[in-house]
Amino acid sequence: MTEWKLFEGDVAHVSTAEFHAFRERAPHWEQSIHRARLEKAAEFVTAASRSAIGDRFGGIVKVVDLGCGDGGLVAHLDENHSAWMACVGYDFQPSNQDGWEERGLTHCTFQFNFVANWELVIDADVYVMTECLEHLTDPHAAVRRVRAREARLVASSPWTEHYESHDECHAWAWDFEGYGQLVTDAGFKIQQHEKVGMFQVLWAVPV
């Protein structure tokens, strides 16, 4: 099991609103390198949501996508599961708002710093953090916060990166075992954990 901290000091610059203020929108749903891992994430969100319904014996499942980007995954879930799944997305990169408008998501996506203002984040049955944890100063705290709400977690990050080879926008890197350990250490049981190209995708339930 290996985890690499990729920045020095107490705060990762790549995690700040200032760093993201002028970054270009990234339409990951339309990009071939990202599409497969997003489709796998959608599959896992559906599985996690169905398990939540089983616990509660019916009703609408609330799904919150933390770091939803330009909204590709939210749009897919809303289009295919809106009858029983209510999806909300948060992201603090301003350029992503163009994607929300194009995808018709302005009613359910918000420019918001969900790390600094966690207490204001909507309570949900499932929290999604795809290509998110590696950008945060404290990913361990972020996972523990989801666990404290007794929610399911769907997450993804690269599994091929390490200290000597990683995206310059990332603050952390994990191998396959290390990413699983990050989640289980927070009090989750992993239901599925798969490699999709250079990415790893998992979903987990609180224990």
Foldseek 3Di string as FASTA:
>chain_A
DDKDFQDDDQFDPLQDLVVQAPDAADPQCPDPVRVVVLVVLLVQVVVLQVVLCVVVVDAAFEEEEEQCGLPPSVLVCCVPPVVRYDYAYEAQRVNSVVSCVVSVNPVGYDNDDCVVPVVPDDQGQEYEAEQHLQQGSDSLVVLLVCLVSQHKYKYKDFQPDDNVDDDPSGRMYHHQVRVVCSNVVSAWDWPDWDDDPRMIITMTGGD
